[in-house]
PDB file of N, CA and C in Angstrom:
ATOM      1  N   MET A   1      19.317   7.569   9.580  1.00  0.00           N
ATOM      2  CA  MET A   1      19.610   6.147   9.558  1.00  0.00           C
ATOM      3  C   MET A   1      20.150   5.806   8.174  1.00  0.00           C
ATOM      4  N   SER A   2      21.223   5.086   8.106  1.00  0.00           N
ATOM      5  CA  SER A   2      21.772   4.720   6.804  1.00  0.00           C
ATOM      6  C   SER A   2      21.825   3.208   6.675  1.00  0.00           C
ATOM      7  N   PHE A   3      21.724   2.756   5.450  1.00  0.00           N
ATOM      8  CA  PHE A   3      21.757   1.335   5.161  1.00  0.00           C
ATOM      9  C   PHE A   3      22.964   1.032   4.293  1.00  0.00           C
ATOM     10  N   ALA A   4      23.565  -0.104   4.526  1.00  0.00           N
ATOM     11  CA  ALA A   4      24.687  -0.521   3.690  1.00  0.00           C
ATOM     12  C   ALA A   4      24.182  -0.761   2.278  1.00  0.00           C
ATOM     13  N   GLY A   5      24.882  -0.282   1.304  1.00  0.00           N
ATOM     14  CA  GLY A   5      24.475  -0.487  -0.081  1.00  0.00           C
ATOM     15  C   GLY A   5      23.564   0.598  -0.606  1.00  0.00           C
ATOM     16  N   GLY A   6      23.305   1.636   0.170  1.00  0.00           N
ATOM     17  CA  GLY A   6      22.486   2.751  -0.312  1.00  0.00           C
ATOM     18  C   GLY A   6      21.043   2.378  -0.563  1.00  0.00           C
ATOM     19  N   PHE A   7      20.343   1.938   0.441  1.00  0.00           N
ATOM     20  CA  PHE A   7      18.933   1.556   0.327  1.00  0.00           C
ATOM     21  C   PHE A   7      18.099   2.739  -0.139  1.00  0.00           C
ATOM     22  N   ASP A   8      17.322   2.551  -1.193  1.00  0.00           N
ATOM     23  CA  ASP A   8      16.457   3.605  -1.724  1.00  0.00           C
ATOM     24  C   ASP A   8      15.015   3.272  -1.355  1.00  0.00           C
ATOM     25  N   SER A   9      14.464   3.980  -0.380  1.00  0.00           N
ATOM     26  CA  SER A   9      13.115   3.670   0.098  1.00  0.00           C
ATOM     27  C   SER A   9      12.026   4.089  -0.877  1.00  0.00           C
ATOM     28  N   SER A  10      12.324   4.900  -1.865  1.00  0.00           N
ATOM     29  CA  SER A  10      11.285   5.340  -2.801  1.00  0.00           C
ATOM     30  C   SER A  10      10.750   4.178  -3.635  1.00  0.00           C
ATOM     31  N   ASP A  11      11.556   3.139  -3.849  1.00  0.00           N
ATOM     32  CA  ASP A  11      11.099   1.976  -4.601  1.00  0.00           C
ATOM     33  C   ASP A  11      10.333   0.986  -3.728  1.00  0.00           C
ATOM     34  N   ALA A  12      10.454   1.126  -2.417  1.00  0.00           N
ATOM     35  CA  ALA A  12       9.843   0.164  -1.509  1.00  0.00           C
ATOM     36  C   ALA A  12       8.343   0.389  -1.329  1.00  0.00           C
ATOM     37  N   TRP A  13       7.863   1.576  -1.561  1.00  0.00           N
ATOM     38  CA  TRP A  13       6.458   1.884  -1.309  1.00  0.00           C
ATOM     39  C   TRP A  13       5.790   2.350  -2.586  1.00  0.00           C
ATOM     40  N   ALA A  14       4.610   1.833  -2.811  1.00  0.00           N
ATOM     41  CA  ALA A  14       3.802   2.260  -3.949  1.00  0.00           C
ATOM     42  C   ALA A  14       2.425   2.617  -3.413  1.00  0.00           C
ATOM     43  N   PRO A  15       1.780   3.606  -3.997  1.00  0.00           N
ATOM     44  CA  PRO A  15       0.438   3.958  -3.515  1.00  0.00           C
ATOM     45  C   PRO A  15      -0.538   2.814  -3.791  1.00  0.00           C
ATOM     46  N   PRO A  16      -1.435   2.525  -2.861  1.00  0.00           N
ATOM     47  CA  PRO A  16      -2.401   1.444  -3.077  1.00  0.00           C
ATOM     48  C   PRO A  16      -3.385   1.818  -4.172  1.00  0.00           C
ATOM     49  N   GLN A  17      -3.883   0.813  -4.846  1.00  0.00           N
ATOM     50  CA  GLN A  17      -4.889   1.063  -5.870  1.00  0.00           C
ATOM     51  C   GLN A  17      -6.226   1.331  -5.191  1.00  0.00           C
ATOM     52  N   ALA A  18      -7.056   2.138  -5.817  1.00  0.00           N
ATOM     53  CA  ALA A  18      -8.332   2.541  -5.224  1.00  0.00           C
ATOM     54  C   ALA A  18      -9.209   1.334  -4.901  1.00  0.00           C
ATOM     55  N   GLY A  19      -9.249   0.348  -5.762  1.00  0.00           N
ATOM     56  CA  GLY A  19     -10.059  -0.839  -5.521  1.00  0.00           C
ATOM     57  C   GLY A  19      -9.624  -1.587  -4.282  1.00  0.00           C
ATOM     58  N   ASP A  20      -8.325  -1.601  -4.025  1.00  0.00           N
ATOM     59  CA  ASP A  20      -7.806  -2.288  -2.847  1.00  0.00           C
ATOM     60  C   ASP A  20      -8.282  -1.604  -1.572  1.00  0.00           C
ATOM     61  N   ILE A  21      -8.275  -0.291  -1.560  1.00  0.00           N
ATOM     62  CA  ILE A  21      -8.701   0.461  -0.378  1.00  0.00           C
ATOM     63  C   ILE A  21     -10.173   0.184  -0.077  1.00  0.00           C
ATOM     64  N   ILE A  22     -10.988   0.189  -1.101  1.00  0.00           N
ATOM     65  CA  ILE A  22     -12.421  -0.043  -0.919  1.00  0.00           C
ATOM     66  C   ILE A  22     -12.679  -1.476  -0.464  1.00  0.00           C
ATOM     67  N   ALA A  23     -12.000  -2.436  -1.075  1.00  0.00           N
ATOM     68  CA  ALA A  23     -12.184  -3.837  -0.694  1.00  0.00           C
ATOM     69  C   ALA A  23     -11.754  -4.067   0.751  1.00  0.00           C
ATOM     70  N   GLU A  24     -10.639  -3.486   1.142  1.00  0.00           N
ATOM     71  CA  GLU A  24     -10.166  -3.635   2.521  1.00  0.00           C
ATOM     72  C   GLU A  24     -11.140  -2.997   3.506  1.00  0.00           C
ATOM     73  N   ALA A  25     -11.671  -1.832   3.170  1.00  0.00           N
ATOM     74  CA  ALA A  25     -12.634  -1.158   4.047  1.00  0.00           C
ATOM     75  C   ALA A  25     -13.897  -2.001   4.204  1.00  0.00           C
ATOM     76  N   MET A  26     -14.340  -2.624   3.117  1.00  0.00           N
ATOM     77  CA  MET A  26     -15.538  -3.459   3.184  1.00  0.00           C
ATOM     78  C   MET A  26     -15.294  -4.705   4.034  1.00  0.00           C
ATOM     79  N   LYS A  27     -14.102  -5.295   3.909  1.00  0.00           N
ATOM     80  CA  LYS A  27     -13.767  -6.461   4.730  1.00  0.00           C
ATOM     81  C   LYS A  27     -13.739  -6.088   6.204  1.00  0.00           C
ATOM     82  N   LYS A  28     -13.132  -4.946   6.507  1.00  0.00           N
ATOM     83  CA  LYS A  28     -13.044  -4.501   7.903  1.00  0.00           C
ATOM     84  C   LYS A  28     -14.426  -4.209   8.465  1.00  0.00           C
ATOM     85  N   GLU A  29     -15.283  -3.593   7.657  1.00  0.00           N
ATOM     86  CA  GLU A  29     -16.639  -3.290   8.110  1.00  0.00           C
ATOM     87  C   GLU A  29     -17.406  -4.579   8.406  1.00  0.00           C
ATOM     88  N   LYS A  30     -17.235  -5.590   7.559  1.00  0.00           N
ATOM     89  CA  LYS A  30     -17.903  -6.870   7.769  1.00  0.00           C
ATOM     90  C   LYS A  30     -17.431  -7.520   9.068  1.00  0.00           C
ATOM     91  N   VAL A  31     -16.130  -7.493   9.308  1.00  0.00           N
ATOM     92  CA  VAL A  31     -15.586  -8.078  10.533  1.00  0.00           C
ATOM     93  C   VAL A  31     -16.119  -7.344  11.755  1.00  0.00           C
ATOM     94  N   LEU A  32     -16.167  -6.013  11.690  1.00  0.00           N
ATOM     95  CA  LEU A  32     -16.675  -5.241  12.823  1.00  0.00           C
ATOM     96  C   LEU A  32     -18.142  -5.554  13.096  1.00  0.00           C
ATOM     97  N   LYS A  33     -18.935  -5.716  12.045  1.00  0.00           N
ATOM     98  CA  LYS A  33     -20.347  -6.064  12.223  1.00  0.00           C
ATOM     99  C   LYS A  33     -20.488  -7.447  12.850  1.00  0.00           C
ATOM    100  N   GLU A  34     -19.647  -8.393  12.419  1.00  0.00           N
ATOM    101  CA  GLU A  34     -19.692  -9.735  12.993  1.00  0.00           C
ATOM    102  C   GLU A  34     -19.285  -9.714  14.466  1.00  0.00           C
ATOM    103  N   LEU A  35     -18.286  -8.918  14.796  1.00  0.00           N
ATOM    104  CA  LEU A  35     -17.868  -8.794  16.192  1.00  0.00           C
ATOM    105  C   LEU A  35     -18.973  -8.189  17.048  1.00  0.00           C
ATOM    106  N   ALA A  36     -19.624  -7.163  16.536  1.00  0.00           N
ATOM    107  CA  ALA A  36     -20.706  -6.524  17.285  1.00  0.00           C
ATOM    108  C   ALA A  36     -21.860  -7.503  17.498  1.00  0.00           C
ATOM    109  N   ALA A  37     -22.191  -8.282  16.466  1.00  0.00           N
ATOM    110  CA  ALA A  37     -23.266  -9.261  16.597  1.00  0.00           C
ATOM    111  C   ALA A  37     -22.893 -10.347  17.602  1.00  0.00           C
ATOM    112  N   SER A  38     -21.650 -10.785  17.563  1.00  0.00           N
ATOM    113  CA  SER A  38     -21.192 -11.802  18.516  1.00  0.00           C
ATOM    114  C   SER A  38     -21.220 -11.270  19.937  1.00  0.00           C
ATOM    115  N   GLN A  39     -20.860 -10.008  20.089  1.00  0.00           N
ATOM    116  CA  GLN A  39     -20.877  -9.389  21.413  1.00  0.00           C
ATOM    117  C   GLN A  39     -22.305  -9.338  21.950  1.00  0.00           C
ATOM    118  N   GLU A  40     -23.254  -8.988  21.093  1.00  0.00           N
ATOM    119  CA  GLU A  40     -24.654  -8.949  21.514  1.00  0.00           C
ATOM    120  C   GLU A  40     -25.146 -10.344  21.879  1.00  0.00           C
ATOM    121  N   ASP A  41     -24.756 -11.354  21.092  1.00  0.00           N
ATOM    122  CA  ASP A  41     -25.146 -12.731  21.406  1.00  0.00           C
ATOM    123  C   ASP A  41     -24.579 -13.156  22.752  1.00  0.00           C
ATOM    124  N   LEU A  42     -23.332 -12.823  22.990  1.00  0.00           N
ATOM    125  CA  LEU A  42     -22.690 -13.172  24.255  1.00  0.00           C
ATOM    126  C   LEU A  42     -23.362 -12.460  25.419  1.00  0.00           C
ATOM    127  N   ARG A  43     -23.680 -11.185  25.224  1.00  0.00           N
ATOM    128  CA  ARG A  43     -24.344 -10.417  26.275  1.00  0.00           C
ATOM    129  C   ARG A  43     -25.701 -11.040  26.604  1.00  0.00           C
ATOM    130  N   GLY A  44     -26.443 -11.420  25.584  1.00  0.00           N
ATOM    131  CA  GLY A  44     -27.738 -12.054  25.809  1.00  0.00           C
ATOM    132  C   GLY A  44     -27.607 -13.383  26.525  1.00  0.00           C
ATOM    133  N   GLY A  45     -26.601 -14.166  26.157  1.00  0.00           N
ATOM    134  CA  GLY A  45     -26.378 -15.450  26.815  1.00  0.00           C
ATOM    135  C   GLY A  45     -26.005 -15.292  28.273  1.00  0.00           C
ATOM    136  N   VAL A  46     -25.193 -14.312  28.569  1.00  0.00           N
ATOM    137  CA  VAL A  46     -24.796 -14.059  29.959  1.00  0.00           C
ATOM    138  C   VAL A  46     -26.000 -13.617  30.771  1.00  0.00           C
ATOM    139  N   GLN A  47     -26.814 -12.742  30.209  1.00  0.00           N
ATOM    140  CA  GLN A  47     -28.003 -12.276  30.930  1.00  0.00           C
ATOM    141  C   GLN A  47     -28.966 -13.425  31.201  1.00  0.00           C
ATOM    142  N   ARG A  48     -29.145 -14.314  30.208  1.00  0.00           N
ATOM    143  CA  ARG A  48     -30.036 -15.464  30.408  1.00  0.00           C
ATOM    144  C   ARG A  48     -29.484 -16.401  31.478  1.00  0.00           C
ATOM    145  N   SER A  49     -28.178 -16.593  31.483  1.00  0.00           N
ATOM    146  CA  SER A  49     -27.595 -17.513  32.469  1.00  0.00           C
ATOM    147  C   SER A  49     -27.662 -16.933  33.880  1.00  0.00           C
ATOM    148  N   LEU A  50     -27.609 -15.619  33.991  1.00  0.00           N
ATOM    149  CA  LEU A  50     -27.692 -14.994  35.307  1.00  0.00           C
ATOM    150  C   LEU A  50     -29.115 -15.025  35.855  1.00  0.00           C
ATOM    151  N   LYS A  51     -30.106 -14.987  34.956  1.00  0.00           N
ATOM    152  CA  LYS A  51     -31.505 -14.997  35.383  1.00  0.00           C
ATOM    153  C   LYS A  51     -31.959 -16.393  35.803  1.00  0.00           C
ATOM    154  N   GLY A  52     -31.427 -17.386  35.173  1.00  0.00           N
ATOM    155  CA  GLY A  52     -32.021 -18.666  35.450  1.00  0.00           C
ATOM    156  C   GLY A  52     -31.080 -19.730  35.707  1.00  0.00           C
TER     157      GLY A  52
END
């Protein structure tokens, strides 16, 4: 694939800093835990509504 003007992709990407990777992983882990907790709450609510 060629680009008009000689696009140099080596300048477009830089390696992420280590702190960024760790911070992003922690944010993702927090979101996943919140989703799992919400799923459990929803499951409990559905079970209660089906029983009574």
